[in-house]
Amino acid sequence: MERGFDGNGMDAAEGRMRGSNQSGLRAHNKRAVLSLIRRNGRLAKAEIARRTGLSPQTASVIMRALEAEELVLRDQPQRGRVGQPSIPMRLNPDGAFALGLKIGRRSVDLVLMDFTGRIRGHERIAYPFPRLQQVIDFVAEAEPKLRGLLPARLGRRITGLGVALPYELWSWADEIGAPMGIMDEWRDLDVRSALAAVTDLTVNVANDATAACAAENVFGSTQSADFVYFFVGAFIGGGIVMNGDLVSGRLGNAGAVGSMPIPREEGGYAQLINFASLHLLEKMYEAEGGDALALWRGKVSWESFGPLLERWLDRAAYGLAHAIVSASSIYDFESAVIDGRFPANVRSQLVERTAAAIEKINRQGLAPVTLRAGTIGTDAREIGSASLPFFAHYLLDHQVLFTEAD
């Protein structure tokens, strides 16, 4: 029997696969091959066989099947010193598509993403706070628009709908100015069922910051296998990657960095969300007579914040610095990645100021941590949500947890 690659270093032959188990092993090996190609950009059949432990013959059979399904494409032949040139294979951007829905505290976004992680279409609206019916109406209107961007032949390749939303969306309602009790409609909501009523797609759900971290790990170019991740949105969230895998945690809430206690300069403690969240910049802007929602509607340039932005950057960097040092005392992360819903130049300033703030903290006994700017940017949560159907149907990543509609 063929020696299969099962992702855990086990010899598939030892399992004495028969019947449907053999079919399951073949499907698993196809996922493993697609995942290898996705991680490496392109790979030749011989290299795929070497890395998976599959025989060259079986690797060729799998590659022919994936090519017939139009999930992979042949790249330009590479000539070596002797023999026939090798032909690397790469993912076909048009091989599969997914919709990704990000439900945030200030806006909701729906994207159409191809198999290589490129966004083909994007719809969004901003609001003072999320209302369930408004989100459902938005999806009902935006989904046909995005489907219409593809010809009918490719439209049938939309794999599913991934949804990313904050853990306990109804929490911190006071901080975003929502009327008392109005966000309780999210408390016991079955998000999958609610969205299944307006779409015929399979629905997968994940925490929004976890999805952003997954996007960085899967589609980004951080080039680190161990990092703690911070995404600055209306509130700050994060994730943890160890040995190249996204760690979800015992209850699926690993990387809840927004709740980390940070010392106040005036004494006492507050959570990280009170230092490094955009709702603080909103409040500062409102205090000077500005329209906070203009930030989410894209109707105000970041340069217009002037000294407000400088003060916010200093406060956010202070909080992030303490959070990163605290995280590095628990696990020796190689790097800390900072991203968020802001322009690249603002992200760069935040990384620089955080690095400077870390230098002021006593780190005796701790391994140094390299600070890196996130490589996905504003759309990290949307890309992460759209990747969920791909993992459900085509790729291997046992550490990305999602739930699927029945």
Protein backbone atom coordinates (compact mmCIF):
# COMPACT_ATOMS: atom_id res chain seq x y z
CA MET A 1 0.00 0.00 0.00
CA GLU A 2 1.12 3.54 -0.70
CA ARG A 3 2.88 5.20 2.18
CA GLY A 4 0.67 8.22 2.89
CA PHE A 5 1.35 11.58 4.45
CA ASP A 6 -1.11 12.17 7.31
CA GLY A 7 0.29 15.37 8.81
CA ASN A 8 1.28 13.69 12.09
CA GLY A 9 4.31 11.72 10.94
CA MET A 10 2.31 8.47 10.93
CA ASP A 11 2.69 5.73 8.36
CA ALA A 12 -0.73 5.47 6.73
CA ALA A 13 -0.04 1.83 5.83
CA GLU A 14 -0.01 0.98 9.52
CA GLY A 15 -3.64 1.96 9.66
CA ARG A 16 -4.49 -0.75 7.11
CA MET A 17 -6.71 1.61 5.21
CA ARG A 18 -9.56 0.00 3.32
CA GLY A 19 -12.59 1.24 1.36
CA SER A 20 -13.76 4.67 2.45
CA ASN A 21 -10.62 5.07 4.58
CA GLN A 22 -8.50 4.87 1.43
CA SER A 23 -10.68 7.55 -0.13
CA GLY A 24 -10.23 9.69 2.97
CA LEU A 25 -6.47 9.25 2.82
CA ARG A 26 -6.38 10.30 -0.83
CA ALA A 27 -8.43 13.41 -0.01
CA HIS A 28 -6.09 14.17 2.90
CA ASN A 29 -3.03 13.80 0.70
CA LYS A 30 -4.55 16.17 -1.88
CA ARG A 31 -5.05 18.75 0.88
CA ALA A 32 -1.46 18.21 2.03
CA VAL A 33 -0.13 18.79 -1.48
CA LEU A 34 -2.22 21.94 -1.96
CA SER A 35 -1.06 23.23 1.41
CA LEU A 36 2.60 22.64 0.49
CA ILE A 37 2.19 24.50 -2.78
CA ARG A 38 0.35 27.31 -1.01
CA ARG A 39 3.11 27.72 1.56
CA ASN A 40 5.93 27.60 -0.98
CA GLY A 41 4.37 29.44 -3.92
CA ARG A 42 5.31 26.74 -6.41
CA LEU A 43 6.78 23.24 -6.20
CA ALA A 44 7.82 20.54 -8.65
CA LYS A 45 6.40 17.03 -8.36
CA ALA A 46 9.70 15.53 -7.21
CA GLU A 47 9.95 18.03 -4.36
CA ILE A 48 6.32 17.39 -3.40
CA ALA A 49 6.99 13.66 -3.25
CA ARG A 50 10.09 14.20 -1.11
CA ARG A 51 8.37 16.46 1.41
CA THR A 52 5.21 14.37 1.77
CA GLY A 53 6.76 10.91 1.75
CA LEU A 54 4.53 9.90 -1.15
CA SER A 55 6.01 7.89 -3.99
CA PRO A 56 6.77 9.88 -7.16
CA GLN A 57 4.04 7.90 -8.93
CA THR A 58 1.38 8.75 -6.35
CA ALA A 59 2.48 12.39 -6.24
CA SER A 60 2.07 12.51 -10.03
CA VAL A 61 -1.42 10.99 -9.80
CA ILE A 62 -2.44 13.61 -7.22
CA MET A 63 -0.99 16.45 -9.26
CA ARG A 64 -2.82 15.27 -12.39
CA ALA A 65 -6.08 15.15 -10.40
CA LEU A 66 -5.55 18.65 -9.01
CA GLU A 67 -4.69 19.93 -12.46
CA ALA A 68 -7.84 18.32 -13.91
CA GLU A 69 -9.88 20.07 -11.20
CA GLU A 70 -8.16 23.33 -12.23
CA LEU A 71 -6.91 23.92 -8.70
CA VAL A 72 -3.27 24.11 -9.83
CA LEU A 73 -1.46 25.40 -12.90
CA ARG A 74 1.83 24.47 -14.53
CA ASP A 75 4.53 27.10 -14.19
CA GLN A 76 7.52 27.71 -16.45
CA PRO A 77 9.82 24.64 -16.75
CA GLN A 78 13.06 24.82 -14.76
CA ARG A 79 16.11 23.27 -16.38
CA GLY A 80 18.68 21.57 -14.21
CA ARG A 81 22.09 20.27 -15.04
CA VAL A 82 20.90 16.92 -16.40
CA GLY A 83 17.66 15.23 -17.42
CA GLN A 84 14.28 16.66 -18.28
CA PRO A 85 13.36 20.09 -16.95
CA SER A 86 11.15 20.09 -13.84
CA ILE A 87 7.76 21.77 -14.06
CA PRO A 88 6.73 23.60 -10.88
CA MET A 89 3.05 23.74 -10.02
CA ARG A 90 1.28 26.71 -8.45
CA LEU A 91 -2.21 27.44 -7.19
CA ASN A 92 -4.70 28.56 -9.81
CA PRO A 93 -6.15 31.92 -8.71
CA ASP A 94 -9.42 31.00 -10.47
CA GLY A 95 -9.44 27.49 -9.02
CA ALA A 96 -11.69 28.43 -6.11
CA PHE A 97 -13.26 31.51 -4.56
CA ALA A 98 -14.71 32.39 -1.16
CA LEU A 99 -16.68 35.22 0.39
CA GLY A 100 -15.40 36.73 3.61
CA LEU A 101 -17.58 38.73 5.99
CA LYS A 102 -16.05 40.85 8.74
CA ILE A 103 -18.55 42.10 11.31
CA GLY A 104 -16.94 44.87 13.33
CA ARG A 105 -18.02 47.30 16.00
CA ARG A 106 -17.89 50.24 13.57
CA SER A 107 -18.25 48.67 10.11
CA VAL A 108 -19.13 45.52 8.20
CA ASP A 109 -17.21 44.33 5.12
CA LEU A 110 -17.83 41.61 2.56
CA VAL A 111 -15.06 40.53 0.17
CA LEU A 112 -14.69 38.12 -2.72
CA MET A 113 -11.29 36.40 -2.57
CA ASP A 114 -9.56 34.06 -5.00
CA PHE A 115 -7.56 30.91 -4.21
CA THR A 116 -4.29 32.81 -3.82
CA GLY A 117 -5.65 35.32 -1.31
CA ARG A 118 -6.24 38.23 -3.67
CA ILE A 119 -9.39 40.28 -3.08
CA ARG A 120 -11.44 40.56 -6.29
CA GLY A 121 -14.25 42.69 -4.87
CA HIS A 122 -15.07 44.57 -1.67
CA GLU A 123 -18.30 46.03 -0.24
CA ARG A 124 -18.63 47.82 3.10
CA ILE A 125 -20.77 50.11 5.22
CA ALA A 126 -20.01 51.97 8.44
CA TYR A 127 -22.33 52.42 11.40
CA PRO A 128 -22.29 53.81 14.96
CA PHE A 129 -22.74 50.26 16.31
CA PRO A 130 -23.71 46.91 14.73
CA ARG A 131 -27.38 45.98 14.42
CA LEU A 132 -28.26 42.46 13.35
CA GLN A 133 -30.87 43.35 10.75
CA GLN A 134 -28.61 45.97 9.20
CA VAL A 135 -25.84 43.40 8.80
CA ILE A 136 -28.21 40.83 7.29
CA ASP A 137 -29.62 43.40 4.87
CA PHE A 138 -26.09 44.38 3.88
CA VAL A 139 -25.14 40.78 3.10
CA ALA A 140 -28.34 40.24 1.12
CA GLU A 141 -27.51 43.26 -1.05
CA ALA A 142 -23.72 42.94 -1.29
CA GLU A 143 -23.43 39.21 -2.00
CA PRO A 144 -25.11 39.34 -5.45
CA LYS A 145 -22.91 42.30 -6.40
CA LEU A 146 -19.75 40.35 -5.62
CA ARG A 147 -21.00 37.17 -7.28
CA GLY A 148 -21.72 39.26 -10.37
CA LEU A 149 -18.04 40.12 -10.69
CA LEU A 150 -17.36 36.56 -11.85
CA PRO A 151 -18.53 34.86 -15.03
CA ALA A 152 -21.04 32.07 -14.43
CA ARG A 153 -18.41 29.35 -14.89
CA LEU A 154 -16.25 30.78 -12.10
CA GLY A 155 -19.21 31.81 -9.95
CA ARG A 156 -19.91 28.12 -9.38
CA ARG A 157 -16.51 27.85 -7.73
CA ILE A 158 -17.43 30.01 -4.73
CA THR A 159 -16.68 27.57 -1.92
CA GLY A 160 -18.40 29.17 1.03
CA LEU A 161 -18.84 32.17 3.30
CA GLY A 162 -16.36 32.80 6.09
CA VAL A 163 -17.39 35.09 8.94
CA ALA A 164 -15.08 36.92 11.35
CA LEU A 165 -16.49 38.85 14.29
CA PRO A 166 -15.24 39.90 17.74
CA TYR A 167 -15.52 37.56 20.67
CA GLU A 168 -18.54 38.76 22.69
CA LEU A 169 -19.48 41.46 20.21
CA TRP A 170 -22.04 42.81 22.67
CA SER A 171 -19.37 43.56 25.29
CA TRP A 172 -17.96 47.05 25.75
CA ALA A 173 -21.16 48.54 24.29
CA ASP A 174 -20.70 51.60 26.49
CA GLU A 175 -17.26 52.27 25.00
CA ILE A 176 -18.65 52.59 21.48
CA GLY A 177 -21.69 54.60 22.56
CA ALA A 178 -24.39 51.98 21.93
CA PRO A 179 -27.68 52.48 23.83
CA MET A 180 -28.09 50.25 26.86
CA GLY A 181 -29.14 46.70 25.94
CA ILE A 182 -29.41 47.31 22.20
CA MET A 183 -26.50 45.00 21.37
CA ASP A 184 -27.85 42.12 23.46
CA GLU A 185 -29.40 40.77 20.25
CA TRP A 186 -25.91 39.40 19.47
CA ARG A 187 -25.51 37.62 22.80
CA ASP A 188 -27.22 34.30 22.04
CA LEU A 189 -27.32 34.64 18.27
CA ASP A 190 -26.56 31.66 16.02
CA VAL A 191 -24.59 33.63 13.43
CA ARG A 192 -24.44 30.71 11.00
CA SER A 193 -28.19 30.22 10.90
CA ALA A 194 -28.87 33.93 10.60
CA LEU A 195 -26.60 34.24 7.57
CA ALA A 196 -27.68 30.93 6.06
CA ALA A 197 -31.09 32.53 5.63
CA VAL A 198 -29.69 35.00 3.09
CA THR A 199 -27.07 32.87 1.32
CA ASP A 200 -26.95 29.36 -0.07
CA LEU A 201 -23.30 28.96 0.93
CA THR A 202 -21.73 26.90 3.71
CA VAL A 203 -20.89 29.23 6.60
CA ASN A 204 -17.71 29.10 8.70
CA VAL A 205 -17.15 31.35 11.73
CA ALA A 206 -14.04 32.55 13.60
CA ASN A 207 -12.95 35.31 15.95
CA ASP A 208 -11.99 38.41 13.95
CA ALA A 209 -8.54 38.93 15.45
CA THR A 210 -7.79 35.20 15.16
CA ALA A 211 -8.79 35.40 11.50
CA ALA A 212 -6.47 38.39 10.98
CA CYS A 213 -3.61 36.48 12.59
CA ALA A 214 -4.38 33.49 10.35
CA ALA A 215 -4.26 35.77 7.29
CA GLU A 216 -0.82 37.03 8.31
CA ASN A 217 0.40 33.50 8.93
CA VAL A 218 -1.04 32.05 5.71
CA PHE A 219 -0.90 34.85 3.15
CA GLY A 220 1.55 37.30 4.72
CA SER A 221 5.33 37.53 4.42
CA THR A 222 6.29 37.94 8.07
CA GLN A 223 8.74 35.01 7.70
CA SER A 224 8.47 34.00 11.32
CA ALA A 225 7.22 30.72 12.75
CA ASP A 226 6.75 32.03 16.30
CA PHE A 227 5.07 35.38 16.82
CA VAL A 228 2.50 37.21 18.90
CA TYR A 229 0.15 39.25 16.75
CA PHE A 230 -1.70 42.50 17.41
CA PHE A 231 -4.44 43.97 15.19
CA VAL A 232 -5.56 47.48 16.07
CA GLY A 233 -9.19 48.05 15.11
CA ALA A 234 -12.01 49.77 16.95
CA PHE A 235 -10.67 47.64 19.80
CA ILE A 236 -7.37 45.78 19.73
CA GLY A 237 -7.22 42.00 19.37
CA GLY A 238 -4.58 39.46 18.53
CA GLY A 239 -3.40 35.93 18.02
CA ILE A 240 -0.52 33.55 18.66
CA VAL A 241 1.52 31.52 16.17
CA MET A 242 3.86 28.78 17.42
CA ASN A 243 5.98 26.57 15.19
CA GLY A 244 4.12 27.93 12.19
CA ASP A 245 0.66 27.01 13.49
CA LEU A 246 -2.05 29.34 14.70
CA VAL A 247 -2.79 28.44 18.33
CA SER A 248 -6.46 28.73 19.14
CA GLY A 249 -6.31 27.79 22.81
CA ARG A 250 -8.36 25.49 25.04
CA LEU A 251 -11.52 27.59 24.65
CA GLY A 252 -10.67 29.18 21.31
CA ASN A 253 -9.71 32.47 22.95
CA ALA A 254 -5.90 32.37 22.83
CA GLY A 255 -4.34 35.71 22.02
CA ALA A 256 -7.02 37.80 23.76
CA VAL A 257 -4.43 40.55 24.05
CA GLY A 258 -6.99 43.33 24.44
CA SER A 259 -7.64 42.20 28.00
CA MET A 260 -3.98 42.27 29.08
CA PRO A 261 -3.42 44.49 32.15
CA ILE A 262 -1.15 47.46 31.44
CA PRO A 263 0.27 49.73 34.18
CA ARG A 264 -0.97 53.30 34.08
CA GLU A 265 1.71 55.94 34.30
CA GLU A 266 -0.38 57.68 36.98
CA GLY A 267 -0.75 54.43 38.94
CA GLY A 268 -3.00 51.40 38.80
CA TYR A 269 -3.81 49.29 35.75
CA ALA A 270 -6.06 49.30 32.71
CA GLN A 271 -6.57 46.84 29.87
CA LEU A 272 -4.68 47.14 26.60
CA ILE A 273 -7.91 48.14 24.79
CA ASN A 274 -7.74 51.38 26.80
CA PHE A 275 -4.32 52.18 25.33
CA ALA A 276 -4.13 50.85 21.77
CA SER A 277 -7.61 50.94 20.23
CA LEU A 278 -8.96 53.28 17.60
CA HIS A 279 -11.98 54.12 19.72
CA LEU A 280 -9.58 56.21 21.84
CA LEU A 281 -8.64 58.23 18.76
CA GLU A 282 -12.36 58.60 18.04
CA LYS A 283 -12.98 60.06 21.49
CA MET A 284 -10.07 62.44 21.17
CA TYR A 285 -11.35 63.57 17.76
CA GLU A 286 -14.92 64.00 19.06
CA ALA A 287 -13.66 66.06 22.01
CA GLU A 288 -12.33 68.60 19.48
CA GLY A 289 -15.61 68.69 17.56
CA GLY A 290 -14.82 66.06 14.91
CA ASP A 291 -17.08 63.34 13.50
CA ALA A 292 -15.71 60.03 14.78
CA LEU A 293 -17.54 57.95 12.17
CA ALA A 294 -15.72 59.84 9.43
CA LEU A 295 -12.73 57.68 10.34
CA TRP A 296 -14.62 54.53 9.36
CA ARG A 297 -16.33 56.01 6.33
CA GLY A 298 -13.01 57.03 4.84
CA LYS A 299 -14.09 60.67 4.70
CA VAL A 300 -11.24 62.03 6.78
CA SER A 301 -7.52 61.73 6.08
CA TRP A 302 -5.26 60.50 8.85
CA GLU A 303 -3.02 63.51 8.35
CA SER A 304 -5.88 65.75 9.46
CA PHE A 305 -5.68 64.36 13.00
CA GLY A 306 -2.42 66.25 13.49
CA PRO A 307 -1.26 66.37 17.15
CA LEU A 308 -4.14 64.03 18.12
CA LEU A 309 -2.53 61.24 16.15
CA GLU A 310 0.83 61.91 17.76
CA ARG A 311 -0.65 61.62 21.25
CA TRP A 312 -2.56 58.47 20.30
CA LEU A 313 0.54 56.85 18.81
CA ASP A 314 2.52 57.48 22.00
CA ARG A 315 -0.22 56.02 24.20
CA ALA A 316 -0.74 53.01 21.91
CA ALA A 317 3.01 52.34 21.72
CA TYR A 318 3.29 52.46 25.51
CA GLY A 319 0.52 49.87 25.90
CA LEU A 320 1.83 47.62 23.14
CA ALA A 321 5.35 47.70 24.55
CA HIS A 322 4.18 46.44 27.94
CA ALA A 323 1.95 43.82 26.32
CA ILE A 324 4.81 42.50 24.17
CA VAL A 325 7.22 42.28 27.09
CA SER A 326 4.58 40.49 29.18
CA ALA A 327 3.88 38.03 26.36
CA SER A 328 7.58 37.31 25.88
CA SER A 329 7.88 36.32 29.55
CA ILE A 330 5.42 33.46 28.94
CA TYR A 331 6.81 32.23 25.61
CA ASP A 332 10.01 33.15 23.80
CA PHE A 333 8.42 34.55 20.66
CA GLU A 334 10.79 35.31 17.82
CA SER A 335 8.83 38.40 16.86
CA ALA A 336 5.83 40.58 17.60
CA VAL A 337 3.72 41.67 14.62
CA ILE A 338 1.66 44.86 14.69
CA ASP A 339 -1.04 45.57 12.12
CA GLY A 340 -4.31 47.44 12.08
CA ARG A 341 -6.92 49.43 10.28
CA PHE A 342 -4.71 52.36 9.40
CA PRO A 343 -2.41 53.47 6.56
CA ALA A 344 1.02 51.89 6.16
CA ASN A 345 2.82 55.03 7.32
CA VAL A 346 0.82 55.10 10.56
CA ARG A 347 1.60 51.41 11.10
CA SER A 348 5.32 52.10 10.59
CA GLN A 349 5.26 54.94 13.11
CA LEU A 350 3.47 52.75 15.64
CA VAL A 351 6.06 49.97 15.24
CA GLU A 352 8.94 52.44 15.63
CA ARG A 353 7.46 54.06 18.74
CA THR A 354 6.65 50.68 20.28
CA ALA A 355 10.25 49.56 19.76
CA ALA A 356 11.44 52.74 21.48
CA ALA A 357 9.00 52.20 24.37
CA ILE A 358 10.22 48.62 24.86
CA GLU A 359 13.75 49.91 25.38
CA LYS A 360 12.52 51.75 28.50
CA ILE A 361 11.19 48.55 30.13
CA ASN A 362 13.30 46.24 32.29
CA ARG A 363 13.63 43.03 30.23
CA GLN A 364 16.29 41.25 32.26
CA GLY A 365 16.06 37.48 31.78
CA LEU A 366 13.94 37.73 28.61
CA ALA A 367 14.94 36.80 25.07
CA PRO A 368 14.88 39.73 22.63
CA VAL A 369 11.79 40.07 20.43
CA THR A 370 11.94 41.49 16.92
CA LEU A 371 9.15 43.95 16.11
CA ARG A 372 7.66 43.65 12.63
CA ALA A 373 4.95 45.52 10.80
CA GLY A 374 2.10 43.33 9.58
CA THR A 375 2.22 42.57 5.87
CA ILE A 376 -1.52 42.19 5.16
CA GLY A 377 -2.82 45.55 6.36
CA THR A 378 -6.32 46.90 6.70
CA ASP A 379 -8.03 43.89 5.09
CA ALA A 380 -6.43 41.24 7.34
CA ARG A 381 -9.69 40.31 9.07
CA GLU A 382 -11.58 40.09 5.78
CA ILE A 383 -8.87 37.95 4.16
CA GLY A 384 -8.78 35.75 7.25
CA SER A 385 -12.53 35.21 7.16
CA ALA A 386 -12.49 34.37 3.44
CA SER A 387 -9.72 31.82 4.01
CA LEU A 388 -11.93 29.75 6.34
CA PRO A 389 -13.85 27.99 3.53
CA PHE A 390 -10.55 27.16 1.82
CA PHE A 391 -9.30 25.42 4.95
CA ALA A 392 -12.61 23.64 5.30
CA HIS A 393 -12.48 22.24 1.76
CA TYR A 394 -8.97 22.32 0.32
CA LEU A 395 -6.17 23.01 2.79
CA LEU A 396 -4.70 21.62 5.97
CA ASP A 397 -4.39 23.73 9.08
CA HIS A 398 -5.61 21.85 12.12
CA GLN A 399 -4.97 24.84 14.36
CA VAL A 400 -7.48 27.13 12.60
CA LEU A 401 -10.75 26.43 14.34
CA PHE A 402 -14.01 27.21 12.65
CA THR A 403 -17.59 26.10 12.93
CA GLU A 404 -19.64 25.00 9.97
CA ALA A 405 -23.37 25.22 9.35
CA ASP A 406 -25.13 21.88 9.34
